[in-house]
């Protein structure tokens, strides 16, 4: 599992990868663009081994909202981080006992 600081850094990386601002990703706007970004980010954090409450804290949402977003996430393509950021996140996850994440090369 990621620490709170690491989760915040991953959310920032995800917002840049999806070309939306951090405020939009964590904010109240319910437009489809930002809802899709939140679903994709929630799935990525869950794949990092984070619990629903921890994802909720990182995304400024209730854990039940995260559960709903994870169910919706199948409708959206996964987020692919740039290789250097993916390696950093993988190092954080594996250092905490998690499974390695797919990198850009693995996803291609």
N, C-alpha and C. Protein backbone atom coordinates (compact mmCIF):
# COMPACT_ATOMS: atom_id res chain seq x y z
N UNK A 1 0.84 -1.18 0.00
CA UNK A 1 0.00 0.00 0.00
C UNK A 1 0.88 1.24 0.00
N UNK A 2 0.40 2.26 -0.63
CA UNK A 2 1.14 3.51 -0.70
C UNK A 2 0.91 4.34 0.57
N UNK A 3 1.89 5.16 0.91
CA UNK A 3 1.69 6.11 2.01
C UNK A 3 0.79 7.23 1.49
N UNK A 4 0.32 8.06 2.41
CA UNK A 4 -0.55 9.16 2.01
C UNK A 4 0.18 10.12 1.06
N UNK A 5 1.45 10.41 1.36
CA UNK A 5 2.23 11.28 0.48
C UNK A 5 2.40 10.65 -0.90
N UNK A 6 2.73 9.37 -0.94
CA UNK A 6 2.90 8.69 -2.23
C UNK A 6 1.60 8.67 -3.01
N UNK A 7 0.48 8.44 -2.33
CA UNK A 7 -0.82 8.45 -3.00
C UNK A 7 -1.11 9.82 -3.60
N UNK A 8 -0.78 10.88 -2.86
CA UNK A 8 -0.98 12.23 -3.38
C UNK A 8 -0.12 12.47 -4.62
N UNK A 9 1.11 11.97 -4.60
CA UNK A 9 2.00 12.12 -5.75
C UNK A 9 1.47 11.33 -6.95
N UNK A 10 0.94 10.15 -6.71
CA UNK A 10 0.39 9.33 -7.79
C UNK A 10 -0.84 10.02 -8.38
N UNK A 11 -1.69 10.59 -7.55
CA UNK A 11 -2.87 11.31 -8.05
C UNK A 11 -2.43 12.49 -8.92
N UNK A 12 -1.39 13.18 -8.50
CA UNK A 12 -0.86 14.28 -9.31
C UNK A 12 -0.35 13.77 -10.66
N UNK A 13 0.39 12.65 -10.65
CA UNK A 13 0.89 12.05 -11.90
C UNK A 13 -0.28 11.64 -12.80
N UNK A 14 -1.31 11.06 -12.19
CA UNK A 14 -2.48 10.63 -12.96
C UNK A 14 -3.19 11.82 -13.59
N UNK A 15 -3.31 12.91 -12.84
CA UNK A 15 -3.99 14.09 -13.38
C UNK A 15 -3.23 14.63 -14.60
N UNK A 16 -1.91 14.63 -14.52
CA UNK A 16 -1.11 15.09 -15.67
C UNK A 16 -1.25 14.13 -16.84
N UNK A 17 -1.24 12.83 -16.57
CA UNK A 17 -1.35 11.84 -17.65
C UNK A 17 -2.71 11.92 -18.35
N UNK A 18 -3.74 12.29 -17.60
CA UNK A 18 -5.09 12.37 -18.18
C UNK A 18 -5.45 13.78 -18.65
N UNK A 19 -4.48 14.71 -18.48
CA UNK A 19 -4.65 16.09 -18.92
C UNK A 19 -5.85 16.78 -18.27
N UNK A 20 -5.95 16.60 -16.97
CA UNK A 20 -6.93 17.36 -16.19
C UNK A 20 -6.21 17.87 -14.95
N UNK A 21 -6.72 18.93 -14.38
CA UNK A 21 -6.03 19.49 -13.22
C UNK A 21 -6.32 18.66 -11.98
N UNK A 22 -5.47 18.82 -11.00
CA UNK A 22 -5.65 18.11 -9.74
C UNK A 22 -6.96 18.54 -9.08
N UNK A 23 -7.27 19.83 -9.17
CA UNK A 23 -8.53 20.33 -8.61
C UNK A 23 -9.73 19.71 -9.30
N UNK A 24 -9.64 19.52 -10.62
CA UNK A 24 -10.74 18.88 -11.35
C UNK A 24 -10.89 17.42 -10.95
N UNK A 25 -9.78 16.75 -10.73
CA UNK A 25 -9.80 15.33 -10.37
C UNK A 25 -10.40 15.13 -8.98
N UNK A 26 -10.11 16.04 -8.08
CA UNK A 26 -10.60 15.93 -6.70
C UNK A 26 -11.84 16.79 -6.43
N UNK A 27 -12.23 17.60 -7.39
CA UNK A 27 -13.29 18.57 -7.18
C UNK A 27 -14.70 18.02 -7.34
N UNK A 28 -15.70 18.90 -7.22
CA UNK A 28 -17.10 18.47 -7.25
C UNK A 28 -17.73 18.38 -8.64
N UNK A 29 -17.06 18.84 -9.68
CA UNK A 29 -17.64 18.87 -11.02
C UNK A 29 -18.05 17.46 -11.45
N UNK A 30 -19.31 17.29 -11.86
CA UNK A 30 -19.84 15.97 -12.23
C UNK A 30 -19.89 15.75 -13.74
N UNK A 31 -19.17 16.56 -14.51
CA UNK A 31 -19.19 16.37 -15.96
C UNK A 31 -18.56 15.02 -16.31
N UNK A 32 -18.95 14.49 -17.45
CA UNK A 32 -18.51 13.15 -17.84
C UNK A 32 -16.99 13.06 -17.97
N UNK A 33 -16.37 14.13 -18.45
CA UNK A 33 -14.91 14.12 -18.61
C UNK A 33 -14.22 13.86 -17.27
N UNK A 34 -14.62 14.58 -16.24
CA UNK A 34 -13.95 14.43 -14.95
C UNK A 34 -14.40 13.17 -14.21
N UNK A 35 -15.62 12.76 -14.42
CA UNK A 35 -16.08 11.51 -13.83
C UNK A 35 -15.27 10.33 -14.38
N UNK A 36 -15.02 10.33 -15.68
CA UNK A 36 -14.20 9.28 -16.28
C UNK A 36 -12.77 9.29 -15.75
N UNK A 37 -12.22 10.48 -15.59
CA UNK A 37 -10.87 10.58 -15.03
C UNK A 37 -10.82 10.04 -13.61
N UNK A 38 -11.85 10.33 -12.84
CA UNK A 38 -11.89 9.83 -11.45
C UNK A 38 -12.01 8.31 -11.42
N UNK A 39 -12.80 7.74 -12.33
CA UNK A 39 -12.92 6.28 -12.40
C UNK A 39 -11.58 5.64 -12.72
N UNK A 40 -10.90 6.19 -13.71
CA UNK A 40 -9.61 5.65 -14.14
C UNK A 40 -8.57 5.78 -13.03
N UNK A 41 -8.56 6.93 -12.36
CA UNK A 41 -7.60 7.14 -11.27
C UNK A 41 -7.89 6.20 -10.10
N UNK A 42 -9.16 6.01 -9.78
CA UNK A 42 -9.54 5.10 -8.69
C UNK A 42 -9.08 3.68 -8.99
N UNK A 43 -9.27 3.24 -10.24
CA UNK A 43 -8.85 1.89 -10.61
C UNK A 43 -7.33 1.76 -10.51
N UNK A 44 -6.59 2.79 -10.94
CA UNK A 44 -5.14 2.75 -10.86
C UNK A 44 -4.69 2.64 -9.41
N UNK A 45 -5.28 3.43 -8.52
CA UNK A 45 -4.91 3.38 -7.11
C UNK A 45 -5.27 2.04 -6.49
N UNK A 46 -6.39 1.48 -6.90
CA UNK A 46 -6.77 0.15 -6.39
C UNK A 46 -5.78 -0.91 -6.85
N UNK A 47 -5.33 -0.78 -8.10
CA UNK A 47 -4.31 -1.70 -8.61
C UNK A 47 -2.99 -1.57 -7.87
N UNK A 48 -2.79 -0.40 -7.25
CA UNK A 48 -1.59 -0.19 -6.41
C UNK A 48 -1.75 -0.84 -5.04
N UNK A 49 -2.91 -1.42 -4.78
CA UNK A 49 -3.13 -2.11 -3.52
C UNK A 49 -3.75 -1.26 -2.44
N UNK A 50 -4.25 -0.08 -2.79
CA UNK A 50 -4.84 0.79 -1.78
C UNK A 50 -6.24 0.33 -1.41
N UNK A 51 -6.61 0.56 -0.17
CA UNK A 51 -7.96 0.23 0.30
C UNK A 51 -8.94 1.29 -0.19
N UNK A 52 -10.23 0.96 -0.15
CA UNK A 52 -11.25 1.92 -0.57
C UNK A 52 -11.21 3.20 0.27
N UNK A 53 -11.10 3.11 1.61
CA UNK A 53 -11.01 4.35 2.40
C UNK A 53 -9.77 5.18 2.06
N UNK A 54 -8.64 4.51 1.80
CA UNK A 54 -7.42 5.25 1.45
C UNK A 54 -7.56 5.94 0.10
N UNK A 55 -8.19 5.27 -0.86
CA UNK A 55 -8.43 5.90 -2.16
C UNK A 55 -9.38 7.08 -1.98
N UNK A 56 -10.38 6.89 -1.14
CA UNK A 56 -11.33 7.98 -0.87
C UNK A 56 -10.64 9.21 -0.32
N UNK A 57 -9.71 9.02 0.58
CA UNK A 57 -8.96 10.15 1.13
C UNK A 57 -8.13 10.82 0.03
N UNK A 58 -7.45 10.01 -0.78
CA UNK A 58 -6.61 10.56 -1.84
C UNK A 58 -7.42 11.30 -2.90
N UNK A 59 -8.66 10.84 -3.14
CA UNK A 59 -9.49 11.43 -4.19
C UNK A 59 -10.53 12.40 -3.65
N UNK A 60 -10.54 12.62 -2.34
CA UNK A 60 -11.49 13.54 -1.70
C UNK A 60 -12.94 13.06 -1.90
N UNK A 61 -13.13 11.76 -1.69
CA UNK A 61 -14.44 11.14 -1.86
C UNK A 61 -14.66 10.12 -0.73
N UNK A 62 -15.92 9.75 -0.55
CA UNK A 62 -16.30 8.70 0.39
C UNK A 62 -15.92 7.34 -0.21
N UNK A 63 -15.58 6.37 0.65
CA UNK A 63 -15.17 5.06 0.13
C UNK A 63 -16.28 4.38 -0.68
N UNK A 64 -17.55 4.66 -0.37
CA UNK A 64 -18.63 4.05 -1.15
C UNK A 64 -18.69 4.65 -2.56
N UNK A 65 -18.33 5.90 -2.70
CA UNK A 65 -18.25 6.51 -4.02
C UNK A 65 -17.13 5.86 -4.82
N UNK A 66 -16.03 5.56 -4.15
CA UNK A 66 -14.91 4.90 -4.82
C UNK A 66 -15.35 3.51 -5.30
N UNK A 67 -16.08 2.79 -4.48
CA UNK A 67 -16.58 1.47 -4.87
C UNK A 67 -17.44 1.59 -6.13
N UNK A 68 -18.32 2.56 -6.17
CA UNK A 68 -19.16 2.80 -7.35
C UNK A 68 -18.30 3.14 -8.57
N UNK A 69 -17.30 3.99 -8.38
CA UNK A 69 -16.41 4.38 -9.49
C UNK A 69 -15.62 3.18 -10.01
N UNK A 70 -15.21 2.29 -9.12
CA UNK A 70 -14.48 1.10 -9.55
C UNK A 70 -15.36 0.21 -10.41
N UNK A 71 -16.63 0.14 -10.10
CA UNK A 71 -17.55 -0.66 -10.91
C UNK A 71 -17.73 -0.03 -12.29
N UNK A 72 -17.69 1.30 -12.36
CA UNK A 72 -17.83 2.01 -13.63
C UNK A 72 -16.53 2.01 -14.44
N UNK A 73 -15.41 1.75 -13.80
CA UNK A 73 -14.10 1.91 -14.43
C UNK A 73 -13.90 1.02 -15.65
N UNK A 74 -14.62 -0.08 -15.74
CA UNK A 74 -14.47 -0.99 -16.88
C UNK A 74 -14.85 -0.31 -18.20
N UNK A 75 -15.64 0.76 -18.13
CA UNK A 75 -16.06 1.47 -19.33
C UNK A 75 -14.97 2.36 -19.90
N UNK A 76 -13.89 2.57 -19.15
CA UNK A 76 -12.85 3.50 -19.55
C UNK A 76 -11.52 2.78 -19.74
N UNK A 77 -10.68 3.29 -20.65
CA UNK A 77 -9.36 2.67 -20.82
C UNK A 77 -8.48 2.93 -19.60
N UNK A 78 -7.54 2.04 -19.32
CA UNK A 78 -6.66 2.26 -18.17
C UNK A 78 -5.72 3.44 -18.41
N UNK A 79 -5.24 4.01 -17.32
CA UNK A 79 -4.28 5.10 -17.39
C UNK A 79 -2.89 4.50 -17.58
N UNK A 80 -2.15 5.04 -18.53
CA UNK A 80 -0.77 4.62 -18.73
C UNK A 80 0.13 5.81 -18.40
N UNK A 81 0.93 5.67 -17.38
CA UNK A 81 1.86 6.73 -16.99
C UNK A 81 3.10 6.69 -17.88
N UNK A 82 3.79 7.83 -18.02
CA UNK A 82 5.09 7.80 -18.69
C UNK A 82 6.01 6.80 -17.98
N UNK A 83 6.95 6.23 -18.71
CA UNK A 83 7.79 5.15 -18.19
C UNK A 83 8.50 5.50 -16.89
N UNK A 84 9.06 6.71 -16.80
CA UNK A 84 9.80 7.06 -15.58
C UNK A 84 8.88 7.15 -14.37
N UNK A 85 7.68 7.69 -14.55
CA UNK A 85 6.73 7.77 -13.44
C UNK A 85 6.20 6.39 -13.08
N UNK A 86 5.96 5.55 -14.08
CA UNK A 86 5.48 4.19 -13.82
C UNK A 86 6.51 3.40 -13.02
N UNK A 87 7.79 3.59 -13.33
CA UNK A 87 8.85 2.91 -12.58
C UNK A 87 8.88 3.37 -11.14
N UNK A 88 8.68 4.67 -10.91
CA UNK A 88 8.67 5.20 -9.55
C UNK A 88 7.50 4.63 -8.75
N UNK A 89 6.32 4.63 -9.34
CA UNK A 89 5.15 4.10 -8.65
C UNK A 89 5.32 2.61 -8.38
N UNK A 90 5.85 1.86 -9.35
CA UNK A 90 6.10 0.44 -9.16
C UNK A 90 7.08 0.20 -8.01
N UNK A 91 8.11 1.03 -7.94
CA UNK A 91 9.08 0.90 -6.83
C UNK A 91 8.41 1.14 -5.49
N UNK A 92 7.53 2.14 -5.42
CA UNK A 92 6.82 2.41 -4.17
C UNK A 92 5.92 1.24 -3.79
N UNK A 93 5.19 0.72 -4.78
CA UNK A 93 4.24 -0.36 -4.51
C UNK A 93 4.97 -1.63 -4.07
N UNK A 94 6.02 -2.00 -4.81
CA UNK A 94 6.73 -3.23 -4.47
C UNK A 94 7.50 -3.10 -3.15
N UNK A 95 7.94 -1.91 -2.80
CA UNK A 95 8.61 -1.69 -1.52
C UNK A 95 7.67 -1.93 -0.35
N UNK A 96 6.37 -1.77 -0.61
CA UNK A 96 5.37 -1.98 0.43
C UNK A 96 4.69 -3.33 0.30
N UNK A 97 5.31 -4.26 -0.45
CA UNK A 97 4.79 -5.62 -0.53
C UNK A 97 3.76 -5.86 -1.61
N UNK A 98 3.53 -4.90 -2.50
CA UNK A 98 2.54 -5.07 -3.55
C UNK A 98 3.13 -5.70 -4.80
N UNK A 99 2.26 -5.98 -5.78
CA UNK A 99 2.68 -6.54 -7.05
C UNK A 99 3.12 -5.41 -7.98
N UNK A 100 4.11 -5.67 -8.85
CA UNK A 100 4.54 -4.64 -9.80
C UNK A 100 3.40 -4.25 -10.74
N UNK A 101 3.38 -2.98 -11.12
CA UNK A 101 2.37 -2.47 -12.04
C UNK A 101 2.85 -2.62 -13.47
N UNK A 102 1.92 -2.59 -14.42
CA UNK A 102 2.29 -2.61 -15.83
C UNK A 102 2.90 -1.28 -16.20
N UNK A 103 4.00 -1.31 -16.95
CA UNK A 103 4.63 -0.09 -17.43
C UNK A 103 4.17 0.17 -18.85
N UNK A 104 4.63 1.26 -19.43
CA UNK A 104 4.25 1.59 -20.81
C UNK A 104 4.65 0.46 -21.75
N UNK A 105 5.83 -0.11 -21.55
CA UNK A 105 6.29 -1.18 -22.41
C UNK A 105 5.42 -2.42 -22.27
N UNK A 106 4.99 -2.73 -21.02
CA UNK A 106 4.14 -3.89 -20.79
C UNK A 106 2.78 -3.72 -21.44
N UNK A 107 2.28 -2.47 -21.44
CA UNK A 107 0.94 -2.21 -21.95
C UNK A 107 0.90 -2.19 -23.47
N UNK A 108 2.03 -1.97 -24.11
CA UNK A 108 2.05 -1.86 -25.58
C UNK A 108 1.93 -3.21 -26.25
